[in-house]
Amino acid sequence: QVQLVESGGGSVQSGGSLRLSCAASVAGICMGWFRQSPGKEREGVATLSPGSSTRDIADSVKGRISISRDLGKQMLYLKISSLKSEDSGTYYCAARRWDGRCTLDSGYSSWGQGTQVTVSS
């Protein structure tokens, strides 16, 4: 089981930006970000393959996010700009074994505890 620890959440005003970080206990895995708001189903935000060659980004955040990773530090990052109230929620880091697939619907077996993001107007 991969251990994942998120950080970087907080409160930010609408239009601002935020950078989330996820530390993984192993390297060479597919990693991604998902989010969930109260009363809503969890939705995918973005995923990134181990070599950063493959990424999948949700339409709801396209053009506003940047996903990146530092393989040496086993870190995954997500920067969201032009934040909107609908971006509020708990953001989860997720991981799956690298088998060539690394998309939002690939199925993830490891999850972090989540970090809260609150966007206020």
N, C-alpha and C. Protein backbone atom coordinates (compact mmCIF):
# COMPACT_ATOMS: atom_id res chain seq x y z
N GLN A 1 0.84 -1.19 0.00
CA GLN A 1 0.00 0.00 0.00
C GLN A 1 0.88 1.25 0.00
N VAL A 2 0.58 2.14 -0.89
CA VAL A 2 1.34 3.39 -0.98
C VAL A 2 0.80 4.38 0.04
N GLN A 3 1.69 5.02 0.76
CA GLN A 3 1.28 6.07 1.71
C GLN A 3 1.35 7.42 1.01
N LEU A 4 0.28 8.20 1.16
CA LEU A 4 0.20 9.50 0.51
C LEU A 4 -0.18 10.55 1.56
N VAL A 5 0.53 11.67 1.55
CA VAL A 5 0.25 12.74 2.50
C VAL A 5 0.12 14.06 1.75
N GLU A 6 -1.06 14.65 1.84
CA GLU A 6 -1.31 15.92 1.17
C GLU A 6 -1.01 17.10 2.09
N SER A 7 -0.71 18.23 1.47
CA SER A 7 -0.54 19.48 2.22
C SER A 7 -0.81 20.64 1.27
N GLY A 8 -0.98 21.82 1.86
CA GLY A 8 -1.13 23.02 1.05
C GLY A 8 -2.53 23.57 0.94
N GLY A 9 -3.50 22.89 1.53
CA GLY A 9 -4.86 23.41 1.48
C GLY A 9 -5.00 24.64 2.37
N GLY A 10 -6.15 25.27 2.27
CA GLY A 10 -6.40 26.43 3.10
C GLY A 10 -7.54 27.25 2.54
N SER A 11 -7.66 28.46 3.07
CA SER A 11 -8.71 29.37 2.62
C SER A 11 -8.11 30.41 1.70
N VAL A 12 -8.80 30.68 0.62
CA VAL A 12 -8.29 31.65 -0.36
C VAL A 12 -9.48 32.37 -0.97
N GLN A 13 -9.25 33.57 -1.39
CA GLN A 13 -10.32 34.35 -2.00
C GLN A 13 -10.52 33.96 -3.46
N SER A 14 -11.72 34.13 -3.91
CA SER A 14 -12.04 33.86 -5.30
C SER A 14 -11.10 34.65 -6.21
N GLY A 15 -10.61 33.96 -7.24
CA GLY A 15 -9.66 34.58 -8.17
C GLY A 15 -8.21 34.33 -7.80
N GLY A 16 -7.98 33.85 -6.61
CA GLY A 16 -6.64 33.58 -6.15
C GLY A 16 -6.13 32.24 -6.64
N SER A 17 -4.99 31.84 -6.11
CA SER A 17 -4.40 30.56 -6.51
C SER A 17 -3.91 29.81 -5.29
N LEU A 18 -3.71 28.52 -5.48
CA LEU A 18 -3.29 27.65 -4.40
C LEU A 18 -2.45 26.53 -4.96
N ARG A 19 -1.46 26.09 -4.21
CA ARG A 19 -0.62 24.98 -4.62
C ARG A 19 -0.72 23.87 -3.60
N LEU A 20 -1.13 22.69 -4.06
CA LEU A 20 -1.23 21.52 -3.21
C LEU A 20 -0.05 20.60 -3.47
N SER A 21 0.39 19.92 -2.42
CA SER A 21 1.50 18.98 -2.54
C SER A 21 1.08 17.62 -2.00
N CYS A 22 1.66 16.59 -2.58
CA CYS A 22 1.41 15.23 -2.12
C CYS A 22 2.73 14.48 -2.06
N ALA A 23 3.04 13.93 -0.90
CA ALA A 23 4.26 13.15 -0.73
C ALA A 23 3.90 11.68 -0.77
N ALA A 24 4.59 10.92 -1.63
CA ALA A 24 4.33 9.49 -1.77
C ALA A 24 5.46 8.69 -1.14
N SER A 25 5.13 7.50 -0.66
CA SER A 25 6.13 6.66 0.00
C SER A 25 6.94 5.83 -1.00
N VAL A 26 6.48 5.78 -2.25
CA VAL A 26 7.20 5.04 -3.28
C VAL A 26 7.27 5.87 -4.55
N ALA A 27 8.16 5.46 -5.45
CA ALA A 27 8.31 6.17 -6.71
C ALA A 27 7.75 5.32 -7.86
N GLY A 28 7.69 5.93 -9.04
CA GLY A 28 7.32 5.19 -10.24
C GLY A 28 5.87 4.77 -10.32
N ILE A 29 4.98 5.56 -9.76
CA ILE A 29 3.56 5.24 -9.75
C ILE A 29 2.77 6.33 -10.46
N CYS A 30 1.59 5.96 -10.90
CA CYS A 30 0.66 6.94 -11.46
C CYS A 30 0.02 7.66 -10.28
N MET A 31 -0.05 8.98 -10.35
CA MET A 31 -0.63 9.75 -9.26
C MET A 31 -1.63 10.77 -9.78
N GLY A 32 -2.55 11.16 -8.94
CA GLY A 32 -3.53 12.13 -9.37
C GLY A 32 -4.19 12.85 -8.22
N TRP A 33 -4.99 13.83 -8.57
CA TRP A 33 -5.76 14.60 -7.60
C TRP A 33 -7.25 14.43 -7.88
N PHE A 34 -7.98 14.24 -6.81
CA PHE A 34 -9.43 14.15 -6.87
C PHE A 34 -9.99 15.10 -5.81
N ARG A 35 -11.24 15.47 -5.93
CA ARG A 35 -11.83 16.36 -4.94
C ARG A 35 -13.27 15.99 -4.69
N GLN A 36 -13.73 16.39 -3.50
CA GLN A 36 -15.11 16.12 -3.14
C GLN A 36 -15.66 17.27 -2.30
N SER A 37 -16.83 17.73 -2.69
CA SER A 37 -17.52 18.78 -1.94
C SER A 37 -18.68 18.14 -1.20
N PRO A 38 -19.13 18.77 -0.11
CA PRO A 38 -20.25 18.21 0.65
C PRO A 38 -21.47 18.00 -0.23
N GLY A 39 -22.03 16.81 -0.16
CA GLY A 39 -23.23 16.52 -0.92
C GLY A 39 -22.98 16.14 -2.37
N LYS A 40 -21.73 16.12 -2.76
CA LYS A 40 -21.40 15.80 -4.16
C LYS A 40 -20.51 14.57 -4.22
N GLU A 41 -20.51 13.92 -5.36
CA GLU A 41 -19.63 12.78 -5.55
C GLU A 41 -18.20 13.25 -5.77
N ARG A 42 -17.29 12.37 -5.45
CA ARG A 42 -15.89 12.70 -5.70
C ARG A 42 -15.66 12.80 -7.21
N GLU A 43 -14.88 13.78 -7.61
CA GLU A 43 -14.58 13.96 -9.02
C GLU A 43 -13.08 14.07 -9.24
N GLY A 44 -12.68 13.63 -10.41
CA GLY A 44 -11.28 13.70 -10.76
C GLY A 44 -10.89 15.10 -11.15
N VAL A 45 -9.67 15.47 -10.82
CA VAL A 45 -9.15 16.79 -11.19
C VAL A 45 -8.06 16.65 -12.25
N ALA A 46 -7.03 15.88 -11.92
CA ALA A 46 -5.93 15.70 -12.86
C ALA A 46 -5.07 14.53 -12.44
N THR A 47 -4.45 13.88 -13.43
CA THR A 47 -3.53 12.78 -13.14
C THR A 47 -2.25 12.97 -13.95
N LEU A 48 -1.19 12.30 -13.50
CA LEU A 48 0.10 12.45 -14.15
C LEU A 48 0.89 11.16 -14.03
N SER A 49 1.42 10.70 -15.13
CA SER A 49 2.18 9.45 -15.15
C SER A 49 3.57 9.67 -14.52
N PRO A 50 4.28 8.58 -14.20
CA PRO A 50 5.57 8.70 -13.53
C PRO A 50 6.58 9.58 -14.27
N GLY A 51 6.61 9.47 -15.58
CA GLY A 51 7.56 10.26 -16.34
C GLY A 51 6.99 11.57 -16.84
N SER A 52 5.80 11.90 -16.37
CA SER A 52 5.09 13.13 -16.74
C SER A 52 4.74 13.19 -18.22
N SER A 53 4.76 12.05 -18.89
CA SER A 53 4.44 12.07 -20.32
C SER A 53 2.94 11.99 -20.58
N THR A 54 2.22 11.47 -19.64
CA THR A 54 0.77 11.31 -19.81
C THR A 54 0.05 12.04 -18.69
N ARG A 55 -0.88 12.90 -19.06
CA ARG A 55 -1.69 13.59 -18.06
C ARG A 55 -3.12 13.65 -18.55
N ASP A 56 -4.01 13.66 -17.58
CA ASP A 56 -5.43 13.74 -17.86
C ASP A 56 -5.99 14.83 -16.96
N ILE A 57 -6.68 15.77 -17.54
CA ILE A 57 -7.17 16.93 -16.79
C ILE A 57 -8.67 17.08 -17.01
N ALA A 58 -9.39 17.28 -15.93
CA ALA A 58 -10.84 17.44 -16.02
C ALA A 58 -11.21 18.73 -16.73
N ASP A 59 -12.28 18.68 -17.48
CA ASP A 59 -12.74 19.86 -18.21
C ASP A 59 -13.05 21.03 -17.27
N SER A 60 -13.49 20.70 -16.06
CA SER A 60 -13.90 21.75 -15.12
C SER A 60 -12.73 22.62 -14.66
N VAL A 61 -11.51 22.15 -14.82
CA VAL A 61 -10.35 22.92 -14.37
C VAL A 61 -9.35 23.19 -15.49
N LYS A 62 -9.67 22.74 -16.68
CA LYS A 62 -8.74 22.91 -17.80
C LYS A 62 -8.45 24.38 -18.01
N GLY A 63 -7.18 24.70 -18.20
CA GLY A 63 -6.78 26.09 -18.40
C GLY A 63 -6.48 26.81 -17.10
N ARG A 64 -6.85 26.21 -15.97
CA ARG A 64 -6.64 26.85 -14.68
C ARG A 64 -5.70 26.07 -13.77
N ILE A 65 -5.29 24.89 -14.19
CA ILE A 65 -4.46 24.10 -13.31
C ILE A 65 -3.15 23.69 -13.97
N SER A 66 -2.20 23.40 -13.11
CA SER A 66 -0.93 22.87 -13.55
C SER A 66 -0.60 21.70 -12.63
N ILE A 67 -0.37 20.53 -13.22
CA ILE A 67 0.01 19.38 -12.42
C ILE A 67 1.43 19.00 -12.76
N SER A 68 2.22 18.72 -11.74
CA SER A 68 3.63 18.41 -11.97
C SER A 68 4.11 17.47 -10.88
N ARG A 69 5.28 16.89 -11.10
CA ARG A 69 5.82 16.02 -10.07
C ARG A 69 7.34 16.11 -10.05
N ASP A 70 7.87 15.82 -8.90
CA ASP A 70 9.32 15.76 -8.70
C ASP A 70 9.63 14.31 -8.38
N LEU A 71 10.14 13.59 -9.38
CA LEU A 71 10.37 12.16 -9.19
C LEU A 71 11.39 11.89 -8.09
N GLY A 72 12.40 12.72 -8.01
CA GLY A 72 13.43 12.49 -7.02
C GLY A 72 12.91 12.60 -5.59
N LYS A 73 11.95 13.49 -5.40
CA LYS A 73 11.37 13.69 -4.07
C LYS A 73 10.06 12.93 -3.89
N GLN A 74 9.63 12.22 -4.92
CA GLN A 74 8.38 11.47 -4.88
C GLN A 74 7.21 12.36 -4.49
N MET A 75 7.18 13.53 -5.12
CA MET A 75 6.17 14.52 -4.83
C MET A 75 5.30 14.77 -6.05
N LEU A 76 4.03 15.07 -5.79
CA LEU A 76 3.09 15.49 -6.82
C LEU A 76 2.54 16.84 -6.40
N TYR A 77 2.42 17.75 -7.38
CA TYR A 77 1.95 19.09 -7.09
C TYR A 77 0.73 19.42 -7.96
N LEU A 78 -0.12 20.27 -7.42
CA LEU A 78 -1.25 20.78 -8.18
C LEU A 78 -1.40 22.26 -7.87
N LYS A 79 -1.30 23.07 -8.90
CA LYS A 79 -1.55 24.49 -8.72
C LYS A 79 -2.85 24.85 -9.42
N ILE A 80 -3.73 25.50 -8.69
CA ILE A 80 -4.99 25.92 -9.26
C ILE A 80 -5.04 27.44 -9.22
N SER A 81 -5.32 28.03 -10.36
CA SER A 81 -5.41 29.49 -10.45
C SER A 81 -6.86 29.89 -10.74
N SER A 82 -7.11 31.19 -10.62
CA SER A 82 -8.45 31.73 -10.88
C SER A 82 -9.51 30.91 -10.14
N LEU A 83 -9.25 30.71 -8.86
CA LEU A 83 -10.12 29.86 -8.05
C LEU A 83 -11.55 30.39 -8.00
N LYS A 84 -12.50 29.44 -8.03
CA LYS A 84 -13.92 29.77 -7.94
C LYS A 84 -14.49 29.07 -6.71
N SER A 85 -15.65 29.51 -6.30
CA SER A 85 -16.27 28.90 -5.12
C SER A 85 -16.51 27.41 -5.33
N GLU A 86 -16.79 27.04 -6.57
CA GLU A 86 -17.05 25.61 -6.85
C GLU A 86 -15.79 24.75 -6.79
N ASP A 87 -14.64 25.38 -6.61
CA ASP A 87 -13.40 24.63 -6.42
C ASP A 87 -13.23 24.20 -4.96
N SER A 88 -14.07 24.72 -4.10
CA SER A 88 -13.98 24.37 -2.68
C SER A 88 -14.27 22.88 -2.49
N GLY A 89 -13.58 22.30 -1.51
CA GLY A 89 -13.81 20.89 -1.22
C GLY A 89 -12.57 20.27 -0.60
N THR A 90 -12.65 18.99 -0.38
CA THR A 90 -11.50 18.25 0.12
C THR A 90 -10.77 17.64 -1.07
N TYR A 91 -9.51 17.92 -1.17
CA TYR A 91 -8.69 17.43 -2.28
C TYR A 91 -7.87 16.23 -1.81
N TYR A 92 -8.00 15.16 -2.57
CA TYR A 92 -7.31 13.92 -2.24
C TYR A 92 -6.24 13.59 -3.27
N CYS A 93 -5.13 13.13 -2.78
CA CYS A 93 -4.09 12.59 -3.64
C CYS A 93 -4.34 11.09 -3.76
N ALA A 94 -4.18 10.56 -4.96
CA ALA A 94 -4.41 9.14 -5.17
C ALA A 94 -3.29 8.55 -6.02
N ALA A 95 -3.11 7.24 -5.90
CA ALA A 95 -2.04 6.59 -6.66
C ALA A 95 -2.46 5.20 -7.09
N ARG A 96 -1.87 4.74 -8.16
CA ARG A 96 -2.08 3.37 -8.63
C ARG A 96 -0.79 2.87 -9.25
N ARG A 97 -0.67 1.56 -9.30
CA ARG A 97 0.52 0.96 -9.91
C ARG A 97 0.63 1.39 -11.37
N TRP A 98 1.81 1.68 -11.81
CA TRP A 98 2.01 2.12 -13.19
C TRP A 98 2.00 0.91 -14.11
N ASP A 99 0.97 0.88 -14.99
CA ASP A 99 0.86 -0.19 -15.98
C ASP A 99 0.60 0.41 -17.35
N GLY A 100 0.94 1.66 -17.51
CA GLY A 100 0.72 2.35 -18.77
C GLY A 100 -0.54 3.19 -18.78
N ARG A 101 -1.39 3.00 -17.81
CA ARG A 101 -2.62 3.77 -17.71
C ARG A 101 -2.53 4.75 -16.56
N CYS A 102 -2.94 5.97 -16.84
CA CYS A 102 -2.91 6.98 -15.78
C CYS A 102 -3.90 8.08 -16.13
N THR A 103 -5.16 7.71 -16.14
CA THR A 103 -6.20 8.68 -16.46
C THR A 103 -7.15 8.81 -15.28
N LEU A 104 -8.06 9.75 -15.38
CA LEU A 104 -8.97 10.02 -14.27
C LEU A 104 -9.86 8.82 -13.96
N ASP A 105 -10.10 7.95 -14.94
CA ASP A 105 -10.98 6.81 -14.72
C ASP A 105 -10.23 5.49 -14.64
N SER A 106 -8.92 5.56 -14.33
CA SER A 106 -8.11 4.35 -14.31
C SER A 106 -8.38 3.47 -13.09
N GLY A 107 -8.87 4.02 -12.02
CA GLY A 107 -9.03 3.22 -10.81
C GLY A 107 -7.81 3.34 -9.92
N TYR A 108 -8.00 3.86 -8.72
CA TYR A 108 -6.88 4.13 -7.82
C TYR A 108 -7.03 3.36 -6.52
N SER A 109 -5.95 2.73 -6.08
CA SER A 109 -6.01 1.87 -4.92
C SER A 109 -5.51 2.52 -3.64
N SER A 110 -4.76 3.61 -3.78
CA SER A 110 -4.21 4.28 -2.60
C SER A 110 -4.69 5.72 -2.55
N TRP A 111 -5.07 6.15 -1.35
CA TRP A 111 -5.62 7.49 -1.17
C TRP A 111 -5.02 8.15 0.07
N GLY A 112 -4.83 9.46 -0.03
CA GLY A 112 -4.40 10.21 1.13
C GLY A 112 -5.60 10.60 1.98
N GLN A 113 -5.31 11.31 3.07
CA GLN A 113 -6.36 11.72 3.99
C GLN A 113 -7.13 12.94 3.50
N GLY A 114 -6.55 13.68 2.59
CA GLY A 114 -7.23 14.84 2.04
C GLY A 114 -6.78 16.15 2.68
N THR A 115 -6.88 17.21 1.91
CA THR A 115 -6.60 18.54 2.42
C THR A 115 -7.72 19.46 1.97
N GLN A 116 -8.17 20.30 2.88
CA GLN A 116 -9.35 21.13 2.63
C GLN A 116 -8.99 22.42 1.89
N VAL A 117 -9.78 22.73 0.89
CA VAL A 117 -9.64 23.99 0.15
C VAL A 117 -10.97 24.73 0.24
N THR A 118 -10.90 25.96 0.70
CA THR A 118 -12.12 26.78 0.81
C THR A 118 -11.90 28.07 0.04
N VAL A 119 -12.76 28.31 -0.93
CA VAL A 119 -12.67 29.52 -1.73
C VAL A 119 -13.83 30.42 -1.37
N SER A 120 -13.51 31.63 -0.94
CA SER A 120 -14.54 32.58 -0.54
C SER A 120 -14.59 33.76 -1.49
N SER A 121 -15.78 34.30 -1.64
CA SER A 121 -15.93 35.44 -2.56
C SER A 121 -15.77 36.76 -1.82
